[in-house]
Amino acid sequence: MSTEEPTAGMQTTEDPWDEHRVRRRDQDQEASGRLLLTTAIEECRTGRLVALTEISLPGHPGGVAAQEDTLVLPGHRGHRLGMLAKAANLQQLDAQAPQIYTFNAEENRPMLSINEALGYRAAGYEGAWEKLL
């Protein structure tokens, strides 16, 4: 996600992921008592994953869940894959968490529209500043 997320023009560097890093992150989540629900969408023609979304669940019933990363690769955007992935992941929740929070970049209107359609509502705003030296 580090190369495709909205940055409001701020500079970023690629944060590479591989199978080992994903497995380690999943193990860390599990060790902390949280469960990570992931939905990924594969392009059948190429076998490439083109969309994914994650929800981090608390380790106890009734806790707050966190809608984590959602990404649809360029070239696959505009086909409702973000909505499909998020809706599928929400169905997995099965009322395990009464509340889910998320955050989005203000300039990411497509993802904000998906969240609004799924029933999320704004609860706060934050800003970021960057000074290049």
Foldseek 3Di string as FASTA:
>chain_A
DQVPADDVPDDGDDDDDDPVNVVVVQVVLVVQLKHKQKDWDADVVVRDTFWMWIKIGHNQAAAEIETDDIGGHPVRPPPCPSLVRVVVSVVVCVNRYPHYDYDGDPVPVVVVVSCVVVPDDDDDDDDDDDDDD
